[in-house]
Amino acid sequence: MRKLLGALLAFSSLFVAVGPAFAHHAITSEFDPTKSFTITGVLTRLEWTNPHSYFFVTVKEDGKDVEYMFEGYPPVALHRAGITKADWKIGETVTVTAVSPKDGSKKLGFARTIKYQDGHVLVFRNAGE
């Protein structure tokens, strides 16, 4: 009986530890890969976090600063693709192409590309395609 109880406890602990990994959603659950948009502004902030990275770009709209937030892949996936934290040039003007959210939220997207003024481009896998 003790062995069975111990096995059940071990299984339960393992399930609790890895359960959230199965809850991760596909990009297409929140974003529509058939709709995209492009903006140009200043890269102001990077959140190099799991399970997704985020970066922020400030754009002038009607004379006012408006902040856009872009979701990206986790740092480990970006690193495997050759993109490191050092590649992000905070304060530089960038052009971002992103996938639009399904709920119609403004100023939010899932990044596809970031193009710097010097011509180099950070390319993310085509989100949702």
N, C-alpha and C. Protein backbone atom coordinates (compact mmCIF):
# COMPACT_ATOMS: atom_id res chain seq x y z
N MET A 1 0.82 -1.20 0.00
CA MET A 1 0.00 0.00 0.00
C MET A 1 0.86 1.27 0.00
N ARG A 2 1.96 1.23 0.78
CA ARG A 2 2.85 2.41 0.83
C ARG A 2 3.48 2.67 -0.53
N LYS A 3 3.85 1.59 -1.23
CA LYS A 3 4.47 1.75 -2.55
C LYS A 3 3.47 2.37 -3.54
N LEU A 4 2.23 1.92 -3.47
CA LEU A 4 1.19 2.47 -4.35
C LEU A 4 0.95 3.94 -4.04
N LEU A 5 0.87 4.26 -2.78
CA LEU A 5 0.68 5.64 -2.36
C LEU A 5 1.86 6.52 -2.80
N GLY A 6 3.06 5.99 -2.65
CA GLY A 6 4.27 6.72 -3.07
C GLY A 6 4.29 6.95 -4.57
N ALA A 7 3.89 5.92 -5.33
CA ALA A 7 3.84 6.04 -6.79
C ALA A 7 2.81 7.07 -7.21
N LEU A 8 1.64 7.06 -6.56
CA LEU A 8 0.60 8.04 -6.88
C LEU A 8 1.05 9.46 -6.55
N LEU A 9 1.73 9.62 -5.43
CA LEU A 9 2.25 10.93 -5.05
C LEU A 9 3.29 11.41 -6.06
N ALA A 10 4.18 10.52 -6.48
CA ALA A 10 5.21 10.88 -7.46
C ALA A 10 4.58 11.26 -8.79
N PHE A 11 3.58 10.50 -9.25
CA PHE A 11 2.90 10.80 -10.50
C PHE A 11 2.17 12.14 -10.42
N SER A 12 1.50 12.35 -9.30
CA SER A 12 0.77 13.62 -9.11
C SER A 12 1.72 14.80 -9.13
N SER A 13 2.86 14.67 -8.48
CA SER A 13 3.85 15.74 -8.45
C SER A 13 4.39 16.03 -9.85
N LEU A 14 4.64 14.97 -10.61
CA LEU A 14 5.14 15.14 -11.98
C LEU A 14 4.09 15.83 -12.84
N PHE A 15 2.84 15.43 -12.71
CA PHE A 15 1.78 16.05 -13.49
C PHE A 15 1.64 17.53 -13.17
N VAL A 16 1.70 17.87 -11.90
CA VAL A 16 1.60 19.28 -11.49
C VAL A 16 2.76 20.08 -12.06
N ALA A 17 3.94 19.48 -12.12
CA ALA A 17 5.12 20.18 -12.61
C ALA A 17 5.08 20.42 -14.12
N VAL A 18 4.59 19.45 -14.89
CA VAL A 18 4.62 19.58 -16.35
C VAL A 18 3.27 19.96 -16.95
N GLY A 19 2.23 19.96 -16.17
CA GLY A 19 0.89 20.28 -16.66
C GLY A 19 0.80 21.60 -17.39
N PRO A 20 1.39 22.68 -16.86
CA PRO A 20 1.29 23.97 -17.56
C PRO A 20 1.89 23.96 -18.98
N ALA A 21 2.84 23.08 -19.23
CA ALA A 21 3.44 23.01 -20.57
C ALA A 21 2.40 22.57 -21.59
N PHE A 22 1.47 21.72 -21.18
CA PHE A 22 0.44 21.26 -22.11
C PHE A 22 -0.62 22.32 -22.34
N ALA A 23 -0.70 23.30 -21.49
CA ALA A 23 -1.71 24.36 -21.61
C ALA A 23 -1.28 25.45 -22.58
N HIS A 24 -0.03 25.42 -23.05
CA HIS A 24 0.45 26.45 -23.95
C HIS A 24 -0.38 26.47 -25.23
N HIS A 25 -0.67 27.63 -25.71
CA HIS A 25 -1.55 27.79 -26.86
C HIS A 25 -0.77 28.00 -28.14
N ALA A 26 -1.42 27.71 -29.25
CA ALA A 26 -0.86 27.99 -30.56
C ALA A 26 -1.03 29.48 -30.85
N ILE A 27 -0.16 30.01 -31.67
CA ILE A 27 -0.25 31.43 -32.06
C ILE A 27 -1.62 31.73 -32.66
N THR A 28 -2.13 30.79 -33.44
CA THR A 28 -3.40 31.02 -34.13
C THR A 28 -4.60 31.05 -33.19
N SER A 29 -4.41 30.70 -31.92
CA SER A 29 -5.53 30.81 -30.98
C SER A 29 -5.83 32.27 -30.64
N GLU A 30 -4.82 33.13 -30.74
CA GLU A 30 -5.01 34.55 -30.41
C GLU A 30 -4.81 35.49 -31.59
N PHE A 31 -4.06 35.03 -32.60
CA PHE A 31 -3.71 35.90 -33.72
C PHE A 31 -4.20 35.30 -35.03
N ASP A 32 -4.53 36.17 -35.99
CA ASP A 32 -5.03 35.75 -37.29
C ASP A 32 -3.90 35.87 -38.32
N PRO A 33 -3.31 34.74 -38.73
CA PRO A 33 -2.17 34.80 -39.65
C PRO A 33 -2.51 35.34 -41.04
N THR A 34 -3.80 35.51 -41.34
CA THR A 34 -4.17 36.06 -42.64
C THR A 34 -4.21 37.59 -42.61
N LYS A 35 -4.05 38.18 -41.41
CA LYS A 35 -4.09 39.64 -41.28
C LYS A 35 -2.80 40.11 -40.62
N SER A 36 -2.16 41.06 -41.27
CA SER A 36 -0.94 41.61 -40.68
C SER A 36 -0.92 43.12 -40.87
N PHE A 37 0.01 43.76 -40.18
CA PHE A 37 0.16 45.20 -40.30
C PHE A 37 1.64 45.56 -40.12
N THR A 38 1.99 46.75 -40.54
CA THR A 38 3.37 47.24 -40.44
C THR A 38 3.35 48.62 -39.84
N ILE A 39 4.27 48.85 -38.89
CA ILE A 39 4.42 50.17 -38.28
C ILE A 39 5.90 50.52 -38.23
N THR A 40 6.19 51.82 -38.15
CA THR A 40 7.56 52.30 -37.98
C THR A 40 7.58 53.21 -36.76
N GLY A 41 8.55 52.96 -35.88
CA GLY A 41 8.67 53.75 -34.67
C GLY A 41 9.97 53.45 -33.96
N VAL A 42 10.08 53.87 -32.72
CA VAL A 42 11.31 53.70 -31.93
C VAL A 42 11.16 52.50 -31.00
N LEU A 43 12.11 51.59 -31.07
CA LEU A 43 12.14 50.44 -30.17
C LEU A 43 12.49 50.95 -28.77
N THR A 44 11.55 50.80 -27.83
CA THR A 44 11.73 51.41 -26.52
C THR A 44 12.02 50.43 -25.39
N ARG A 45 11.60 49.17 -25.55
CA ARG A 45 11.76 48.25 -24.43
C ARG A 45 11.70 46.81 -24.92
N LEU A 46 12.40 45.94 -24.22
CA LEU A 46 12.40 44.50 -24.50
C LEU A 46 12.19 43.75 -23.21
N GLU A 47 11.26 42.81 -23.21
CA GLU A 47 11.08 41.90 -22.08
C GLU A 47 11.49 40.52 -22.56
N TRP A 48 12.68 40.11 -22.19
CA TRP A 48 13.30 38.85 -22.63
C TRP A 48 12.86 37.76 -21.64
N THR A 49 11.60 37.33 -21.76
CA THR A 49 10.98 36.46 -20.75
C THR A 49 10.38 35.21 -21.38
N ASN A 50 10.08 34.24 -20.54
CA ASN A 50 9.38 33.02 -20.94
C ASN A 50 7.95 33.11 -20.43
N PRO A 51 6.95 32.56 -21.07
CA PRO A 51 7.07 31.72 -22.24
C PRO A 51 7.12 32.49 -23.56
N HIS A 52 6.97 33.80 -23.52
CA HIS A 52 7.09 34.63 -24.73
C HIS A 52 7.88 35.88 -24.40
N SER A 53 8.63 36.34 -25.38
CA SER A 53 9.30 37.63 -25.24
C SER A 53 8.33 38.71 -25.74
N TYR A 54 8.56 39.93 -25.29
CA TYR A 54 7.75 41.06 -25.72
C TYR A 54 8.66 42.24 -26.00
N PHE A 55 8.31 43.03 -27.00
CA PHE A 55 9.02 44.28 -27.22
C PHE A 55 8.03 45.36 -27.54
N PHE A 56 8.46 46.59 -27.31
CA PHE A 56 7.57 47.74 -27.40
C PHE A 56 8.15 48.77 -28.35
N VAL A 57 7.30 49.34 -29.18
CA VAL A 57 7.69 50.34 -30.16
C VAL A 57 6.77 51.54 -30.01
N THR A 58 7.36 52.72 -29.90
CA THR A 58 6.58 53.95 -29.79
C THR A 58 6.49 54.60 -31.16
N VAL A 59 5.26 54.91 -31.55
CA VAL A 59 4.95 55.46 -32.87
C VAL A 59 4.26 56.81 -32.68
N LYS A 60 4.54 57.76 -33.55
CA LYS A 60 3.84 59.05 -33.54
C LYS A 60 2.54 58.89 -34.35
N GLU A 61 1.42 59.11 -33.68
CA GLU A 61 0.12 59.07 -34.35
C GLU A 61 -0.64 60.33 -33.97
N ASP A 62 -1.00 61.11 -34.96
CA ASP A 62 -1.71 62.37 -34.73
C ASP A 62 -0.96 63.26 -33.74
N GLY A 63 0.37 63.27 -33.85
CA GLY A 63 1.21 64.11 -33.01
C GLY A 63 1.44 63.58 -31.60
N LYS A 64 0.90 62.41 -31.28
CA LYS A 64 1.05 61.84 -29.94
C LYS A 64 1.87 60.55 -30.01
N ASP A 65 2.60 60.27 -28.92
CA ASP A 65 3.33 59.01 -28.82
C ASP A 65 2.36 57.90 -28.44
N VAL A 66 2.37 56.83 -29.22
CA VAL A 66 1.51 55.68 -28.98
C VAL A 66 2.40 54.45 -28.92
N GLU A 67 2.22 53.65 -27.87
CA GLU A 67 3.05 52.46 -27.69
C GLU A 67 2.35 51.21 -28.21
N TYR A 68 3.07 50.47 -29.05
CA TYR A 68 2.62 49.18 -29.55
C TYR A 68 3.38 48.09 -28.82
N MET A 69 2.70 46.99 -28.53
CA MET A 69 3.35 45.84 -27.88
C MET A 69 3.33 44.68 -28.86
N PHE A 70 4.48 44.03 -28.98
CA PHE A 70 4.60 42.88 -29.87
C PHE A 70 5.04 41.66 -29.09
N GLU A 71 4.35 40.57 -29.33
CA GLU A 71 4.70 39.29 -28.72
C GLU A 71 5.64 38.57 -29.66
N GLY A 72 6.57 37.82 -29.08
CA GLY A 72 7.49 37.02 -29.87
C GLY A 72 7.72 35.67 -29.23
N TYR A 73 8.62 34.94 -29.81
CA TYR A 73 8.94 33.61 -29.30
C TYR A 73 9.77 33.71 -28.02
N PRO A 74 9.88 32.63 -27.26
CA PRO A 74 10.69 32.65 -26.04
C PRO A 74 12.16 32.83 -26.36
N PRO A 75 12.93 33.35 -25.42
CA PRO A 75 14.36 33.58 -25.67
C PRO A 75 15.12 32.36 -26.19
N VAL A 76 14.82 31.18 -25.69
CA VAL A 76 15.55 30.00 -26.15
C VAL A 76 15.28 29.73 -27.63
N ALA A 77 14.05 29.91 -28.08
CA ALA A 77 13.72 29.71 -29.49
C ALA A 77 14.38 30.78 -30.36
N LEU A 78 14.38 32.02 -29.88
CA LEU A 78 15.04 33.11 -30.62
C LEU A 78 16.54 32.84 -30.72
N HIS A 79 17.12 32.40 -29.62
CA HIS A 79 18.56 32.11 -29.60
C HIS A 79 18.90 31.01 -30.60
N ARG A 80 18.08 29.96 -30.64
CA ARG A 80 18.29 28.87 -31.61
C ARG A 80 18.21 29.38 -33.04
N ALA A 81 17.39 30.41 -33.25
CA ALA A 81 17.25 30.99 -34.59
C ALA A 81 18.34 32.02 -34.89
N GLY A 82 19.26 32.22 -33.94
CA GLY A 82 20.36 33.15 -34.15
C GLY A 82 20.10 34.56 -33.67
N ILE A 83 19.00 34.77 -32.96
CA ILE A 83 18.67 36.11 -32.45
C ILE A 83 18.99 36.13 -30.96
N THR A 84 19.87 37.05 -30.57
CA THR A 84 20.24 37.16 -29.15
C THR A 84 19.74 38.49 -28.59
N LYS A 85 19.81 38.62 -27.29
CA LYS A 85 19.37 39.85 -26.64
C LYS A 85 20.17 41.06 -27.15
N ALA A 86 21.42 40.83 -27.50
CA ALA A 86 22.28 41.92 -28.00
C ALA A 86 21.84 42.45 -29.36
N ASP A 87 21.03 41.68 -30.09
CA ASP A 87 20.55 42.12 -31.41
C ASP A 87 19.49 43.20 -31.33
N TRP A 88 18.92 43.40 -30.16
CA TRP A 88 17.85 44.39 -29.98
C TRP A 88 18.49 45.74 -29.69
N LYS A 89 18.25 46.71 -30.53
CA LYS A 89 18.86 48.04 -30.41
C LYS A 89 17.84 49.04 -29.88
N ILE A 90 17.74 49.11 -28.56
CA ILE A 90 16.80 50.03 -27.92
C ILE A 90 17.16 51.46 -28.30
N GLY A 91 16.15 52.24 -28.67
CA GLY A 91 16.35 53.63 -29.04
C GLY A 91 16.46 53.84 -30.54
N GLU A 92 16.57 52.77 -31.31
CA GLU A 92 16.67 52.91 -32.77
C GLU A 92 15.30 52.83 -33.42
N THR A 93 15.19 53.45 -34.58
CA THR A 93 13.95 53.39 -35.35
C THR A 93 13.90 52.06 -36.09
N VAL A 94 12.73 51.41 -35.99
CA VAL A 94 12.53 50.11 -36.62
C VAL A 94 11.19 50.09 -37.35
N THR A 95 11.11 49.18 -38.31
CA THR A 95 9.84 48.90 -38.98
C THR A 95 9.48 47.47 -38.63
N VAL A 96 8.30 47.31 -38.04
CA VAL A 96 7.85 45.99 -37.58
C VAL A 96 6.67 45.54 -38.42
N THR A 97 6.74 44.30 -38.87
CA THR A 97 5.59 43.66 -39.50
C THR A 97 5.12 42.59 -38.53
N ALA A 98 3.81 42.56 -38.27
CA ALA A 98 3.27 41.66 -37.27
C ALA A 98 1.91 41.11 -37.69
N VAL A 99 1.54 40.00 -37.07
CA VAL A 99 0.23 39.38 -37.26
C VAL A 99 -0.75 40.07 -36.32
N SER A 100 -1.94 40.35 -36.82
CA SER A 100 -2.97 41.04 -36.04
C SER A 100 -3.69 40.08 -35.08
N PRO A 101 -4.11 40.60 -33.91
CA PRO A 101 -4.88 39.76 -32.99
C PRO A 101 -6.30 39.52 -33.51
N LYS A 102 -6.84 38.37 -33.18
CA LYS A 102 -8.20 38.01 -33.62
C LYS A 102 -9.27 38.91 -33.00
N ASP A 103 -9.02 39.37 -31.78
CA ASP A 103 -10.05 40.16 -31.08
C ASP A 103 -10.09 41.62 -31.52
N GLY A 104 -9.25 41.98 -32.49
CA GLY A 104 -9.28 43.34 -33.00
C GLY A 104 -8.54 44.35 -32.15
N SER A 105 -7.82 43.89 -31.15
CA SER A 105 -7.07 44.81 -30.29
C SER A 105 -6.13 45.67 -31.13
N LYS A 106 -6.10 46.90 -30.81
CA LYS A 106 -5.17 47.82 -31.47
C LYS A 106 -3.86 47.84 -30.70
N LYS A 107 -2.81 48.14 -31.40
CA LYS A 107 -1.50 48.32 -30.78
C LYS A 107 -0.95 47.04 -30.15
N LEU A 108 -1.29 45.90 -30.77
CA LEU A 108 -0.80 44.60 -30.33
C LEU A 108 -0.59 43.72 -31.55
N GLY A 109 0.48 42.92 -31.54
CA GLY A 109 0.70 42.00 -32.65
C GLY A 109 1.71 40.93 -32.29
N PHE A 110 1.78 39.89 -33.13
CA PHE A 110 2.80 38.86 -32.99
C PHE A 110 3.82 39.11 -34.09
N ALA A 111 5.07 39.34 -33.69
CA ALA A 111 6.11 39.80 -34.61
C ALA A 111 6.44 38.81 -35.70
N ARG A 112 6.62 39.33 -36.91
CA ARG A 112 7.14 38.56 -38.04
C ARG A 112 8.55 39.03 -38.38
N THR A 113 8.70 40.35 -38.53
CA THR A 113 10.03 40.90 -38.85
C THR A 113 10.22 42.24 -38.14
N ILE A 114 11.50 42.55 -37.89
CA ILE A 114 11.89 43.86 -37.39
C ILE A 114 13.04 44.31 -38.30
N LYS A 115 12.83 45.44 -38.96
CA LYS A 115 13.86 45.95 -39.87
C LYS A 115 14.43 47.23 -39.29
N TYR A 116 15.77 47.26 -39.17
CA TYR A 116 16.46 48.45 -38.67
C TYR A 116 16.80 49.37 -39.84
N GLN A 117 17.08 50.64 -39.53
CA GLN A 117 17.39 51.62 -40.57
C GLN A 117 18.66 51.27 -41.34
N ASP A 118 19.59 50.53 -40.71
CA ASP A 118 20.82 50.16 -41.42
C ASP A 118 20.59 49.00 -42.39
N GLY A 119 19.35 48.49 -42.44
CA GLY A 119 18.99 47.45 -43.40
C GLY A 119 18.94 46.04 -42.84
N HIS A 120 19.54 45.80 -41.67
CA HIS A 120 19.48 44.43 -41.16
C HIS A 120 18.10 44.13 -40.59
N VAL A 121 17.72 42.88 -40.70
CA VAL A 121 16.37 42.45 -40.34
C VAL A 121 16.43 41.26 -39.40
N LEU A 122 15.63 41.31 -38.35
CA LEU A 122 15.42 40.14 -37.50
C LEU A 122 14.16 39.47 -38.02
N VAL A 123 14.28 38.23 -38.46
CA VAL A 123 13.16 37.51 -39.05
C VAL A 123 12.71 36.43 -38.09
N PHE A 124 11.43 36.44 -37.78
CA PHE A 124 10.81 35.41 -36.97
C PHE A 124 10.11 34.45 -37.92
N ARG A 125 9.99 33.23 -37.51
CA ARG A 125 9.25 32.27 -38.32
C ARG A 125 7.91 32.91 -38.64
N ASN A 126 7.37 32.65 -39.81
CA ASN A 126 6.08 33.24 -40.17
C ASN A 126 5.01 32.80 -39.20
N ALA A 127 4.67 33.66 -38.29
CA ALA A 127 3.75 33.36 -37.21
C ALA A 127 2.42 32.84 -37.73
N GLY A 128 2.08 31.65 -37.29
CA GLY A 128 0.78 31.09 -37.61
C GLY A 128 0.64 30.52 -39.00
N GLU A 129 1.70 30.50 -39.78
CA GLU A 129 1.60 29.97 -41.14
C GLU A 129 2.31 28.66 -41.25
